[in-house]
C-alpha cells in the first residue's frame, strides 16, 4: 500500500507555516512604508553643506535630472570640474 496523504499533509503544513511568516513580513513592510520609514525623502538632507572654501548657493534633487548643486568658489583661484 502506498500512502500519499502524509506527503501532502507535510506540504500543506510547510505552505501554511511559511505563508503566515511571509504575510507577517509583508504587513511589516507595508506598515513601514505607510508610516514613512521607507520614504527616500527622509534620507535626503534639506540643507547643502559645502567643504571649506566653497559656499552652497542652491541645490536640487530630482528623480528625472538627478542632483544639481550650485557652488560659489571662495578659494581665490580658478578650479575646473570635469
Protein backbone atom coordinates (compact mmCIF):
# COMPACT_ATOMS: atom_id res chain seq x y z
CA UNK A 1 0.00 0.00 0.00
CA UNK A 2 1.20 3.47 -0.89
CA UNK A 3 0.21 6.44 1.26
CA UNK A 4 0.35 9.80 -0.47
CA UNK A 5 -1.61 11.56 2.28
CA UNK A 6 1.35 12.06 4.62
CA UNK A 7 3.43 13.76 1.95
CA UNK A 8 0.53 16.02 1.02
CA UNK A 9 -0.06 16.91 4.65
CA UNK A 10 3.60 17.82 5.12
CA UNK A 11 3.49 20.01 2.03
CA UNK A 12 0.37 21.79 3.25
CA UNK A 13 1.89 22.37 6.70
CA UNK A 14 5.01 23.80 5.05
CA UNK A 15 2.98 26.14 2.85
CA UNK A 16 0.74 27.30 5.68
CA UNK A 17 3.62 27.89 8.10
CA UNK A 18 5.76 29.85 5.69
CA UNK A 19 2.69 31.52 4.22
CA UNK A 20 1.94 33.06 7.62
CA UNK A 21 5.57 34.12 8.01
CA UNK A 22 5.51 35.74 4.56
CA UNK A 23 2.25 37.51 5.41
CA UNK A 24 3.74 38.90 8.63
CA UNK A 25 6.79 40.22 6.77
CA UNK A 26 4.55 41.75 4.11
CA UNK A 27 2.44 43.51 6.75
CA UNK A 28 5.57 44.83 8.47
CA UNK A 29 6.98 46.25 5.23
CA UNK A 30 3.59 47.78 4.47
CA UNK A 31 3.47 49.41 7.91
CA UNK A 32 6.98 50.82 7.49
CA UNK A 33 6.05 52.24 4.10
CA UNK A 34 2.79 53.68 5.45
CA UNK A 35 4.49 55.48 8.34
CA UNK A 36 7.18 56.91 6.05
CA UNK A 37 10.17 54.96 7.30
CA UNK A 38 10.92 53.74 3.78
CA UNK A 39 10.38 57.18 2.20
CA UNK A 40 13.51 58.31 0.31
CA UNK A 41 12.72 61.94 1.13
CA UNK A 42 13.57 61.17 4.77
CA UNK A 43 17.04 60.02 3.74
CA UNK A 44 17.90 63.19 1.78
CA UNK A 45 19.12 66.19 3.73
CA UNK A 46 17.27 69.51 3.48
CA UNK A 47 20.49 71.51 3.53
CA UNK A 48 23.59 71.84 1.42
CA UNK A 49 26.93 71.54 3.21
CA UNK A 50 29.98 72.56 1.18
CA UNK A 51 33.65 71.98 2.02
CA UNK A 52 35.75 74.90 3.32
CA UNK A 53 36.38 77.49 0.63
CA UNK A 54 33.08 76.89 -1.11
CA UNK A 55 29.61 78.15 -0.37
CA UNK A 56 26.49 76.35 -1.45
CA UNK A 57 24.17 78.73 -3.26
CA UNK A 58 21.49 76.31 -4.45
CA UNK A 59 20.77 72.63 -4.83
CA UNK A 60 18.03 70.48 -6.30
CA UNK A 61 17.28 66.77 -6.11
CA UNK A 62 15.05 65.44 -8.86
CA UNK A 63 14.03 61.97 -9.96
CA UNK A 64 14.49 62.89 -13.62
CA UNK A 65 17.62 65.08 -13.62
CA UNK A 66 19.37 63.74 -10.52
CA UNK A 67 21.29 66.06 -8.20
CA UNK A 68 22.15 69.62 -9.20
CA UNK A 69 24.42 71.71 -6.96
CA UNK A 70 25.42 75.36 -7.45
CA UNK A 71 28.62 76.21 -5.57
CA UNK A 72 30.49 79.50 -5.20
CA UNK A 73 34.28 79.35 -5.21
CA UNK A 74 35.84 81.31 -2.36
CA UNK A 75 39.35 79.89 -2.64
CA UNK A 76 40.74 82.75 -4.72
CA UNK A 77 41.82 80.70 -7.73
CA UNK A 78 40.02 79.10 -10.65
CA UNK A 79 39.04 75.46 -10.43
CA UNK A 80 37.79 73.30 -13.27
CA UNK A 81 35.40 70.42 -12.67
CA UNK A 82 35.31 67.67 -15.26
